[in-house]
Amino acid sequence: MSDSETLLKATLNRVAARIGKTIIHSAEELADIAEDAPRRIKEEWSQFKDEVIEESIRIEKASKTTRPKDEEKTKKNPSHEDLIQRKIDNLRSKVMNFNRNIEEKN
């Protein structure tokens, strides 16, 4: 084998070895991420539920501070805030149902 052939073969061997090493390292990282994903998803979901509940409590407290005259007007013509509150209440209900379904499956 000539020097250039030997050099070319050595280069190809080292490139293949490095690619293999990189693939193995990437697969290990992916396995670590996949292993950690369920825990992170559960934490994020729990945190989201807590934020929704806190926001709904804040909005309920804010709506209780309205004056009776304001409430009469609201009943006749729902304000933008009332519409938002209804949407939040609906979302809250959906989140609770979704959570109940997830807990039943676990």
PDB file of N, CA and C in Angstrom:
ATOM      1  N   MET A   1       0.841  -1.162   0.000  1.00  0.00           N
ATOM      2  CA  MET A   1       0.000   0.000   0.000  1.00  0.00           C
ATOM      3  C   MET A   1       0.895   1.237   0.000  1.00  0.00           C
ATOM      4  N   SER A   2       0.527   2.218  -0.795  1.00  0.00           N
ATOM      5  CA  SER A   2       1.352   3.435  -0.866  1.00  0.00           C
ATOM      6  C   SER A   2       1.051   4.331   0.328  1.00  0.00           C
ATOM      7  N   ASP A   3       1.900   5.307   0.521  1.00  0.00           N
ATOM      8  CA  ASP A   3       1.737   6.231   1.650  1.00  0.00           C
ATOM      9  C   ASP A   3       0.413   6.995   1.565  1.00  0.00           C
ATOM     10  N   SER A   4       0.030   7.406   0.378  1.00  0.00           N
ATOM     11  CA  SER A   4      -1.208   8.166   0.233  1.00  0.00           C
ATOM     12  C   SER A   4      -2.428   7.280   0.509  1.00  0.00           C
ATOM     13  N   GLU A   5      -2.371   6.016   0.103  1.00  0.00           N
ATOM     14  CA  GLU A   5      -3.468   5.088   0.386  1.00  0.00           C
ATOM     15  C   GLU A   5      -3.579   4.826   1.884  1.00  0.00           C
ATOM     16  N   THR A   6      -2.420   4.647   2.535  1.00  0.00           N
ATOM     17  CA  THR A   6      -2.396   4.419   3.973  1.00  0.00           C
ATOM     18  C   THR A   6      -2.938   5.639   4.715  1.00  0.00           C
ATOM     19  N   LEU A   7      -2.533   6.822   4.283  1.00  0.00           N
ATOM     20  CA  LEU A   7      -3.009   8.053   4.905  1.00  0.00           C
ATOM     21  C   LEU A   7      -4.516   8.213   4.704  1.00  0.00           C
ATOM     22  N   LEU A   8      -4.989   7.906   3.515  1.00  0.00           N
ATOM     23  CA  LEU A   8      -6.417   7.993   3.231  1.00  0.00           C
ATOM     24  C   LEU A   8      -7.205   6.993   4.079  1.00  0.00           C
ATOM     25  N   LYS A   9      -6.711   5.763   4.180  1.00  0.00           N
ATOM     26  CA  LYS A   9      -7.385   4.748   4.977  1.00  0.00           C
ATOM     27  C   LYS A   9      -7.393   5.135   6.453  1.00  0.00           C
ATOM     28  N   ALA A  10      -6.283   5.647   6.952  1.00  0.00           N
ATOM     29  CA  ALA A  10      -6.190   6.083   8.350  1.00  0.00           C
ATOM     30  C   ALA A  10      -7.162   7.236   8.610  1.00  0.00           C
ATOM     31  N   THR A  11      -7.252   8.165   7.661  1.00  0.00           N
ATOM     32  CA  THR A  11      -8.175   9.295   7.796  1.00  0.00           C
ATOM     33  C   THR A  11      -9.613   8.807   7.859  1.00  0.00           C
ATOM     34  N   LEU A  12      -9.977   7.899   6.968  1.00  0.00           N
ATOM     35  CA  LEU A  12     -11.338   7.361   6.952  1.00  0.00           C
ATOM     36  C   LEU A  12     -11.651   6.599   8.240  1.00  0.00           C
ATOM     37  N   ASN A  13     -10.701   5.840   8.740  1.00  0.00           N
ATOM     38  CA  ASN A  13     -10.902   5.114   9.996  1.00  0.00           C
ATOM     39  C   ASN A  13     -11.154   6.068  11.159  1.00  0.00           C
ATOM     40  N   ARG A  14     -10.360   7.142  11.236  1.00  0.00           N
ATOM     41  CA  ARG A  14     -10.520   8.099  12.328  1.00  0.00           C
ATOM     42  C   ARG A  14     -11.840   8.866  12.204  1.00  0.00           C
ATOM     43  N   VAL A  15     -12.224   9.236  10.978  1.00  0.00           N
ATOM     44  CA  VAL A  15     -13.502   9.923  10.774  1.00  0.00           C
ATOM     45  C   VAL A  15     -14.650   9.008  11.197  1.00  0.00           C
ATOM     46  N   ALA A  16     -14.601   7.753  10.802  1.00  0.00           N
ATOM     47  CA  ALA A  16     -15.640   6.799  11.178  1.00  0.00           C
ATOM     48  C   ALA A  16     -15.694   6.623  12.692  1.00  0.00           C
ATOM     49  N   ALA A  17     -14.536   6.552  13.337  1.00  0.00           N
ATOM     50  CA  ALA A  17     -14.496   6.398  14.789  1.00  0.00           C
ATOM     51  C   ALA A  17     -15.088   7.623  15.488  1.00  0.00           C
ATOM     52  N   ARG A  18     -14.752   8.807  14.997  1.00  0.00           N
ATOM     53  CA  ARG A  18     -15.307  10.026  15.601  1.00  0.00           C
ATOM     54  C   ARG A  18     -16.809  10.135  15.395  1.00  0.00           C
ATOM     55  N   ILE A  19     -17.267   9.789  14.218  1.00  0.00           N
ATOM     56  CA  ILE A  19     -18.712   9.827  13.945  1.00  0.00           C
ATOM     57  C   ILE A  19     -19.431   8.842  14.854  1.00  0.00           C
ATOM     58  N   GLY A  20     -18.885   7.653  14.985  1.00  0.00           N
ATOM     59  CA  GLY A  20     -19.483   6.658  15.870  1.00  0.00           C
ATOM     60  C   GLY A  20     -19.529   7.144  17.304  1.00  0.00           C
ATOM     61  N   LYS A  21     -18.451   7.751  17.762  1.00  0.00           N
ATOM     62  CA  LYS A  21     -18.383   8.283  19.124  1.00  0.00           C
ATOM     63  C   LYS A  21     -19.418   9.390  19.321  1.00  0.00           C
ATOM     64  N   THR A  22     -19.553  10.256  18.322  1.00  0.00           N
ATOM     65  CA  THR A  22     -20.532  11.350  18.396  1.00  0.00           C
ATOM     66  C   THR A  22     -21.952  10.808  18.421  1.00  0.00           C
ATOM     67  N   ILE A  23     -22.218   9.790  17.619  1.00  0.00           N
ATOM     68  CA  ILE A  23     -23.555   9.186  17.589  1.00  0.00           C
ATOM     69  C   ILE A  23     -23.882   8.549  18.935  1.00  0.00           C
ATOM     70  N   ILE A  24     -22.931   7.848  19.510  1.00  0.00           N
ATOM     71  CA  ILE A  24     -23.149   7.215  20.813  1.00  0.00           C
ATOM     72  C   ILE A  24     -23.417   8.277  21.879  1.00  0.00           C
ATOM     73  N   HIS A  25     -22.626   9.344  21.852  1.00  0.00           N
ATOM     74  CA  HIS A  25     -22.811  10.426  22.827  1.00  0.00           C
ATOM     75  C   HIS A  25     -24.186  11.079  22.658  1.00  0.00           C
ATOM     76  N   SER A  26     -24.578  11.320  21.414  1.00  0.00           N
ATOM     77  CA  SER A  26     -25.890  11.922  21.146  1.00  0.00           C
ATOM     78  C   SER A  26     -27.027  11.002  21.598  1.00  0.00           C
ATOM     79  N   ALA A  27     -26.876   9.715  21.376  1.00  0.00           N
ATOM     80  CA  ALA A  27     -27.895   8.758  21.804  1.00  0.00           C
ATOM     81  C   ALA A  27     -28.011   8.739  23.332  1.00  0.00           C
ATOM     82  N   GLU A  28     -26.878   8.838  24.023  1.00  0.00           N
ATOM     83  CA  GLU A  28     -26.904   8.880  25.491  1.00  0.00           C
ATOM     84  C   GLU A  28     -27.628  10.134  25.983  1.00  0.00           C
ATOM     85  N   GLU A  29     -27.345  11.275  25.357  1.00  0.00           N
ATOM     86  CA  GLU A  29     -28.017  12.523  25.736  1.00  0.00           C
ATOM     87  C   GLU A  29     -29.521  12.427  25.486  1.00  0.00           C
ATOM     88  N   LEU A  30     -29.892  11.851  24.352  1.00  0.00           N
ATOM     89  CA  LEU A  30     -31.309  11.700  24.017  1.00  0.00           C
ATOM     90  C   LEU A  30     -32.005  10.784  25.023  1.00  0.00           C
ATOM     91  N   ALA A  31     -31.334   9.734  25.432  1.00  0.00           N
ATOM     92  CA  ALA A  31     -31.907   8.824  26.425  1.00  0.00           C
ATOM     93  C   ALA A  31     -32.116   9.541  27.754  1.00  0.00           C
ATOM     94  N   ASP A  32     -31.161  10.387  28.135  1.00  0.00           N
ATOM     95  CA  ASP A  32     -31.297  11.154  29.380  1.00  0.00           C
ATOM     96  C   ASP A  32     -32.490  12.105  29.296  1.00  0.00           C
ATOM     97  N   ILE A  33     -32.639  12.769  28.164  1.00  0.00           N
ATOM     98  CA  ILE A  33     -33.757  13.697  27.977  1.00  0.00           C
ATOM     99  C   ILE A  33     -35.081  12.947  28.008  1.00  0.00           C
ATOM    100  N   ALA A  34     -35.142  11.823  27.323  1.00  0.00           N
ATOM    101  CA  ALA A  34     -36.377  11.035  27.278  1.00  0.00           C
ATOM    102  C   ALA A  34     -36.735  10.497  28.661  1.00  0.00           C
ATOM    103  N   GLU A  35     -35.737  10.171  29.439  1.00  0.00           N
ATOM    104  CA  GLU A  35     -35.963   9.661  30.788  1.00  0.00           C
ATOM    105  C   GLU A  35     -36.504  10.752  31.708  1.00  0.00           C
ATOM    106  N   ASP A  36     -36.053  11.976  31.507  1.00  0.00           N
ATOM    107  CA  ASP A  36     -36.434  13.102  32.351  1.00  0.00           C
ATOM    108  C   ASP A  36     -37.739  13.761  31.893  1.00  0.00           C
ATOM    109  N   ALA A  37     -38.168  13.524  30.660  1.00  0.00           N
ATOM    110  CA  ALA A  37     -39.325  14.219  30.084  1.00  0.00           C
ATOM    111  C   ALA A  37     -40.621  14.013  30.870  1.00  0.00           C
ATOM    112  N   PRO A  38     -40.999  12.810  31.256  1.00  0.00           N
ATOM    113  CA  PRO A  38     -42.268  12.656  31.988  1.00  0.00           C
ATOM    114  C   PRO A  38     -42.321  13.462  33.288  1.00  0.00           C
ATOM    115  N   ARG A  39     -41.219  13.483  34.002  1.00  0.00           N
ATOM    116  CA  ARG A  39     -41.169  14.247  35.245  1.00  0.00           C
ATOM    117  C   ARG A  39     -41.329  15.739  34.962  1.00  0.00           C
ATOM    118  N   ARG A  40     -40.645  16.231  33.953  1.00  0.00           N
ATOM    119  CA  ARG A  40     -40.725  17.655  33.615  1.00  0.00           C
ATOM    120  C   ARG A  40     -42.119  18.031  33.139  1.00  0.00           C
ATOM    121  N   ILE A  41     -42.743  17.165  32.349  1.00  0.00           N
ATOM    122  CA  ILE A  41     -44.093  17.437  31.870  1.00  0.00           C
ATOM    123  C   ILE A  41     -45.059  17.493  33.046  1.00  0.00           C
ATOM    124  N   LYS A  42     -44.918  16.557  33.967  1.00  0.00           N
ATOM    125  CA  LYS A  42     -45.789  16.530  35.145  1.00  0.00           C
ATOM    126  C   LYS A  42     -45.609  17.796  35.979  1.00  0.00           C
ATOM    127  N   GLU A  43     -44.369  18.229  36.169  1.00  0.00           N
ATOM    128  CA  GLU A  43     -44.095  19.453  36.928  1.00  0.00           C
ATOM    129  C   GLU A  43     -44.695  20.674  36.242  1.00  0.00           C
ATOM    130  N   GLU A  44     -44.500  20.778  34.928  1.00  0.00           N
ATOM    131  CA  GLU A  44     -45.045  21.911  34.180  1.00  0.00           C
ATOM    132  C   GLU A  44     -46.565  21.921  34.241  1.00  0.00           C
ATOM    133  N   TRP A  45     -47.180  20.756  34.122  1.00  0.00           N
ATOM    134  CA  TRP A  45     -48.640  20.664  34.168  1.00  0.00           C
ATOM    135  C   TRP A  45     -49.145  21.100  35.541  1.00  0.00           C
ATOM    136  N   SER A  46     -48.495  20.636  36.586  1.00  0.00           N
ATOM    137  CA  SER A  46     -48.885  21.001  37.942  1.00  0.00           C
ATOM    138  C   SER A  46     -48.734  22.501  38.158  1.00  0.00           C
ATOM    139  N   GLN A  47     -47.650  23.052  37.689  1.00  0.00           N
ATOM    140  CA  GLN A  47     -47.405  24.476  37.827  1.00  0.00           C
ATOM    141  C   GLN A  47     -48.463  25.279  37.050  1.00  0.00           C
ATOM    142  N   PHE A  48     -48.818  24.825  35.861  1.00  0.00           N
ATOM    143  CA  PHE A  48     -49.839  25.491  35.060  1.00  0.00           C
ATOM    144  C   PHE A  48     -51.189  25.478  35.781  1.00  0.00           C
ATOM    145  N   LYS A  49     -51.552  24.324  36.345  1.00  0.00           N
ATOM    146  CA  LYS A  49     -52.821  24.233  37.080  1.00  0.00           C
ATOM    147  C   LYS A  49     -52.837  25.207  38.242  1.00  0.00           C
ATOM    148  N   ASP A  50     -51.739  25.274  38.991  1.00  0.00           N
ATOM    149  CA  ASP A  50     -51.659  26.192  40.123  1.00  0.00           C
ATOM    150  C   ASP A  50     -51.809  27.644  39.670  1.00  0.00           C
ATOM    151  N   GLU A  51     -51.179  27.992  38.549  1.00  0.00           N
ATOM    152  CA  GLU A  51     -51.275  29.355  38.031  1.00  0.00           C
ATOM    153  C   GLU A  51     -52.715  29.683  37.625  1.00  0.00           C
ATOM    154  N   VAL A  52     -53.388  28.735  36.982  1.00  0.00           N
ATOM    155  CA  VAL A  52     -54.777  28.957  36.568  1.00  0.00           C
ATOM    156  C   VAL A  52     -55.665  29.156  37.792  1.00  0.00           C
ATOM    157  N   ILE A  53     -55.484  28.338  38.804  1.00  0.00           N
ATOM    158  CA  ILE A  53     -56.294  28.448  40.020  1.00  0.00           C
ATOM    159  C   ILE A  53     -56.023  29.781  40.720  1.00  0.00           C
ATOM    160  N   GLU A  54     -54.753  30.166  40.829  1.00  0.00           N
ATOM    161  CA  GLU A  54     -54.414  31.438  41.461  1.00  0.00           C
ATOM    162  C   GLU A  54     -55.025  32.609  40.698  1.00  0.00           C
ATOM    163  N   GLU A  55     -54.972  32.544  39.381  1.00  0.00           N
ATOM    164  CA  GLU A  55     -55.540  33.608  38.559  1.00  0.00           C
ATOM    165  C   GLU A  55     -57.052  33.678  38.724  1.00  0.00           C
ATOM    166  N   SER A  56     -57.703  32.543  38.778  1.00  0.00           N
ATOM    167  CA  SER A  56     -59.155  32.551  38.947  1.00  0.00           C
ATOM    168  C   SER A  56     -59.539  33.101  40.322  1.00  0.00           C
ATOM    169  N   ILE A  57     -58.763  32.782  41.351  1.00  0.00           N
ATOM    170  CA  ILE A  57     -59.018  33.326  42.689  1.00  0.00           C
ATOM    171  C   ILE A  57     -58.832  34.840  42.679  1.00  0.00           C
ATOM    172  N   ARG A  58     -57.779  35.307  42.024  1.00  0.00           N
ATOM    173  CA  ARG A  58     -57.529  36.744  41.935  1.00  0.00           C
ATOM    174  C   ARG A  58     -58.683  37.450  41.239  1.00  0.00           C
ATOM    175  N   ILE A  59     -59.157  36.864  40.163  1.00  0.00           N
ATOM    176  CA  ILE A  59     -60.254  37.472  39.410  1.00  0.00           C
ATOM    177  C   ILE A  59     -61.538  37.448  40.229  1.00  0.00           C
ATOM    178  N   GLU A  60     -61.791  36.350  40.939  1.00  0.00           N
ATOM    179  CA  GLU A  60     -62.983  36.281  41.792  1.00  0.00           C
ATOM    180  C   GLU A  60     -62.945  37.357  42.867  1.00  0.00           C
ATOM    181  N   LYS A  61     -61.788  37.559  43.489  1.00  0.00           N
ATOM    182  CA  LYS A  61     -61.660  38.601  44.506  1.00  0.00           C
ATOM    183  C   LYS A  61     -61.896  39.974  43.901  1.00  0.00           C
ATOM    184  N   ALA A  62     -61.358  40.190  42.722  1.00  0.00           N
ATOM    185  CA  ALA A  62     -61.535  41.479  42.055  1.00  0.00           C
ATOM    186  C   ALA A  62     -62.996  41.708  41.693  1.00  0.00           C
ATOM    187  N   SER A  63     -63.691  40.663  41.289  1.00  0.00           N
ATOM    188  CA  SER A  63     -65.092  40.823  40.899  1.00  0.00           C
ATOM    189  C   SER A  63     -65.982  41.049  42.116  1.00  0.00           C
ATOM    190  N   LYS A  64     -65.586  40.586  43.282  1.00  0.00           N
ATOM    191  CA  LYS A  64     -66.373  40.787  44.503  1.00  0.00           C
ATOM    192  C   LYS A  64     -66.285  42.219  45.008  1.00  0.00           C
ATOM    193  N   THR A  65     -65.283  42.945  44.568  1.00  0.00           N
ATOM    194  CA  THR A  65     -65.126  44.327  45.011  1.00  0.00           C
ATOM    195  C   THR A  65     -65.983  45.290  44.207  1.00  0.00           C
ATOM    196  N   THR A  66     -66.702  44.818  43.197  1.00  0.00           N
ATOM    197  CA  THR A  66     -67.562  45.700  42.407  1.00  0.00           C
ATOM    198  C   THR A  66     -68.772  46.109  43.233  1.00  0.00           C
ATOM    199  N   ARG A  67     -69.265  47.283  42.967  1.00  0.00           N
ATOM    200  CA  ARG A  67     -70.427  47.804  43.695  1.00  0.00           C
ATOM    201  C   ARG A  67     -71.710  47.171  43.175  1.00  0.00           C
ATOM    202  N   PRO A  68     -72.779  47.138  43.991  1.00  0.00           N
ATOM    203  CA  PRO A  68     -74.046  46.553  43.560  1.00  0.00           C
ATOM    204  C   PRO A  68     -74.602  47.193  42.288  1.00  0.00           C
ATOM    205  N   LYS A  69     -74.453  48.500  42.133  1.00  0.00           N
ATOM    206  CA  LYS A  69     -74.930  49.157  40.913  1.00  0.00           C
ATOM    207  C   LYS A  69     -74.192  48.615  39.694  1.00  0.00           C
ATOM    208  N   ASP A  70     -72.911  48.407  39.865  1.00  0.00           N
ATOM    209  CA  ASP A  70     -72.113  47.848  38.773  1.00  0.00           C
ATOM    210  C   ASP A  70     -72.592  46.444  38.418  1.00  0.00           C
ATOM    211  N   GLU A  71     -72.979  45.668  39.437  1.00  0.00           N
ATOM    212  CA  GLU A  71     -73.455  44.309  39.192  1.00  0.00           C
ATOM    213  C   GLU A  71     -74.763  44.321  38.406  1.00  0.00           C
ATOM    214  N   GLU A  72     -75.650  45.282  38.706  1.00  0.00           N
ATOM    215  CA  GLU A  72     -76.902  45.374  37.965  1.00  0.00           C
ATOM    216  C   GLU A  72     -76.636  45.701  36.509  1.00  0.00           C
ATOM    217  N   LYS A  73     -75.697  46.612  36.262  1.00  0.00           N
ATOM    218  CA  LYS A  73     -75.340  46.959  34.885  1.00  0.00           C
ATOM    219  C   LYS A  73     -74.731  45.751  34.181  1.00  0.00           C
ATOM    220  N   THR A  74     -73.935  45.005  34.896  1.00  0.00           N
ATOM    221  CA  THR A  74     -73.263  43.842  34.333  1.00  0.00           C
ATOM    222  C   THR A  74     -74.270  42.789  33.897  1.00  0.00           C
ATOM    223  N   LYS A  75     -75.317  42.606  34.697  1.00  0.00           N
ATOM    224  CA  LYS A  75     -76.320  41.607  34.349  1.00  0.00           C
ATOM    225  C   LYS A  75     -77.032  41.971  33.059  1.00  0.00           C
ATOM    226  N   LYS A  76     -77.241  43.269  32.844  1.00  0.00           N
ATOM    227  CA  LYS A  76     -77.925  43.708  31.632  1.00  0.00           C
ATOM    228  C   LYS A  76     -76.996  43.637  30.425  1.00  0.00           C
ATOM    229  N   ASN A  77     -75.790  44.170  30.565  1.00  0.00           N
ATOM    230  CA  ASN A  77     -74.800  44.185  29.488  1.00  0.00           C
ATOM    231  C   ASN A  77     -73.480  43.636  30.027  1.00  0.00           C
ATOM    232  N   PRO A  78     -73.191  42.372  29.734  1.00  0.00           N
ATOM    233  CA  PRO A  78     -71.942  41.811  30.255  1.00  0.00           C
ATOM    234  C   PRO A  78     -70.729  42.591  29.743  1.00  0.00           C
ATOM    235  N   SER A  79     -69.851  42.939  30.669  1.00  0.00           N
ATOM    236  CA  SER A  79     -68.652  43.680  30.288  1.00  0.00           C
ATOM    237  C   SER A  79     -67.604  42.727  29.726  1.00  0.00           C
ATOM    238  N   HIS A  80     -66.583  43.349  29.218  1.00  0.00           N
ATOM    239  CA  HIS A  80     -65.454  42.586  28.685  1.00  0.00           C
ATOM    240  C   HIS A  80     -64.853  41.706  29.784  1.00  0.00           C
ATOM    241  N   GLU A  81     -64.757  42.256  30.991  1.00  0.00           N
ATOM    242  CA  GLU A  81     -64.204  41.501  32.122  1.00  0.00           C
ATOM    243  C   GLU A  81     -65.069  40.288  32.464  1.00  0.00           C
ATOM    244  N   ASP A  82     -66.389  40.464  32.371  1.00  0.00           N
ATOM    245  CA  ASP A  82     -67.290  39.334  32.649  1.00  0.00           C
ATOM    246  C   ASP A  82     -67.126  38.228  31.620  1.00  0.00           C
ATOM    247  N   LEU A  83     -66.960  38.638  30.370  1.00  0.00           N
ATOM    248  CA  LEU A  83     -66.755  37.637  29.320  1.00  0.00           C
ATOM    249  C   LEU A  83     -65.447  36.884  29.540  1.00  0.00           C
ATOM    250  N   ILE A  84     -64.425  37.633  29.939  1.00  0.00           N
ATOM    251  CA  ILE A  84     -63.130  36.997  30.237  1.00  0.00           C
ATOM    252  C   ILE A  84     -63.279  36.050  31.419  1.00  0.00           C
ATOM    253  N   GLN A  85     -64.022  36.491  32.447  1.00  0.00           N
ATOM    254  CA  GLN A  85     -64.227  35.637  33.616  1.00  0.00           C
ATOM    255  C   GLN A  85     -64.927  34.341  33.227  1.00  0.00           C
ATOM    256  N   ARG A  86     -65.922  34.446  32.376  1.00  0.00           N
ATOM    257  CA  ARG A  86     -66.623  33.242  31.923  1.00  0.00           C
ATOM    258  C   ARG A  86     -65.671  32.301  31.195  1.00  0.00           C
ATOM    259  N   LYS A  87     -64.810  32.873  30.351  1.00  0.00           N
ATOM    260  CA  LYS A  87     -63.834  32.048  29.627  1.00  0.00           C
ATOM    261  C   LYS A  87     -62.881  31.368  30.607  1.00  0.00           C
ATOM    262  N   ILE A  88     -62.451  32.127  31.610  1.00  0.00           N
ATOM    263  CA  ILE A  88     -61.534  31.561  32.607  1.00  0.00           C
ATOM    264  C   ILE A  88     -62.230  30.452  33.385  1.00  0.00           C
ATOM    265  N   ASP A  89     -63.486  30.689  33.747  1.00  0.00           N
ATOM    266  CA  ASP A  89     -64.234  29.654  34.466  1.00  0.00           C
ATOM    267  C   ASP A  89     -64.372  28.395  33.625  1.00  0.00           C
ATOM    268  N   ASN A  90     -64.630  28.578  32.329  1.00  0.00           N
ATOM    269  CA  ASN A  90     -64.726  27.422  31.431  1.00  0.00           C
ATOM    270  C   ASN A  90     -63.390  26.701  31.332  1.00  0.00           C
ATOM    271  N   LEU A  91     -62.309  27.467  31.191  1.00  0.00           N
ATOM    272  CA  LEU A  91     -60.975  26.859  31.122  1.00  0.00           C
ATOM    273  C   LEU A  91     -60.645  26.127  32.413  1.00  0.00           C
ATOM    274  N   ARG A  92     -60.994  26.739  33.520  1.00  0.00           N
ATOM    275  CA  ARG A  92     -60.742  26.120  34.822  1.00  0.00           C
ATOM    276  C   ARG A  92     -61.463  24.772  34.918  1.00  0.00           C
ATOM    277  N   SER A  93     -62.697  24.764  34.467  1.00  0.00           N
ATOM    278  CA  SER A  93     -63.474  23.534  34.482  1.00  0.00           C
ATOM    279  C   SER A  93     -62.836  22.476  33.581  1.00  0.00           C
ATOM    280  N   LYS A  94     -62.397  22.888  32.401  1.00  0.00           N
ATOM    281  CA  LYS A  94     -61.760  21.951  31.475  1.00  0.00           C
ATOM    282  C   LYS A  94     -60.455  21.409  32.051  1.00  0.00           C
ATOM    283  N   VAL A  95     -59.670  22.281  32.689  1.00  0.00           N
ATOM    284  CA  VAL A  95     -58.409  21.851  33.298  1.00  0.00           C
ATOM    285  C   VAL A  95     -58.680  20.832  34.393  1.00  0.00           C
ATOM    286  N   MET A  96     -59.694  21.106  35.219  1.00  0.00           N
ATOM    287  CA  MET A  96     -60.023  20.170  36.299  1.00  0.00           C
ATOM    288  C   MET A  96     -60.484  18.827  35.733  1.00  0.00           C
ATOM    289  N   ASN A  97     -61.294  18.850  34.675  1.00  0.00           N
ATOM    290  CA  ASN A  97     -61.738  17.607  34.048  1.00  0.00           C
ATOM    291  C   ASN A  97     -60.562  16.864  33.421  1.00  0.00           C
ATOM    292  N   PHE A  98     -59.693  17.617  32.748  1.00  0.00           N
ATOM    293  CA  PHE A  98     -58.524  17.018  32.116  1.00  0.00           C
ATOM    294  C   PHE A  98     -57.629  16.381  33.173  1.00  0.00           C
ATOM    295  N   ASN A  99     -57.409  17.084  34.264  1.00  0.00           N
ATOM    296  CA  ASN A  99     -56.586  16.567  35.344  1.00  0.00           C
ATOM    297  C   ASN A  99     -57.211  15.312  35.947  1.00  0.00           C
ATOM    298  N   ARG A 100     -58.520  15.327  36.139  1.00  0.00           N
ATOM    299  CA  ARG A 100     -59.215  14.175  36.689  1.00  0.00           C
ATOM    300  C   ARG A 100     -59.024  12.972  35.761  1.00  0.00           C
ATOM    301  N   ASN A 101     -59.124  13.189  34.448  1.00  0.00           N
ATOM    302  CA  ASN A 101     -58.936  12.100  33.490  1.00  0.00           C
ATOM    303  C   ASN A 101     -57.521  11.549  33.543  1.00  0.00           C
ATOM    304  N   ILE A 102     -56.536  12.431  33.666  1.00  0.00           N
ATOM    305  CA  ILE A 102     -55.145  11.981  33.736  1.00  0.00           C
ATOM    306  C   ILE A 102     -54.917  11.175  35.010  1.00  0.00           C
ATOM    307  N   GLU A 103     -55.454  11.666  36.138  1.00  0.00           N
ATOM    308  CA  GLU A 103     -55.268  10.962  37.406  1.00  0.00           C
ATOM    309  C   GLU A 103     -55.970   9.596  37.392  1.00  0.00           C
ATOM    310  N   GLU A 104     -57.106   9.502  36.709  1.00  0.00           N
ATOM    311  CA  GLU A 104     -57.795   8.221  36.615  1.00  0.00           C
ATOM    312  C   GLU A 104     -56.981   7.216  35.808  1.00  0.00           C
ATOM    313  N   LYS A 105     -56.272   7.678  34.803  1.00  0.00           N
ATOM    314  CA  LYS A 105     -55.459   6.795  33.968  1.00  0.00           C
ATOM    315  C   LYS A 105     -54.214   6.336  34.697  1.00  0.00           C
ATOM    316  N   ASN A 106     -53.741   7.155  35.628  1.00  0.00           N
ATOM    317  CA  ASN A 106     -52.535   6.775  36.394  1.00  0.00           C
ATOM    318  C   ASN A 106     -52.984   5.981  37.547  1.00  0.00           C
TER     319      ASN A 106
END
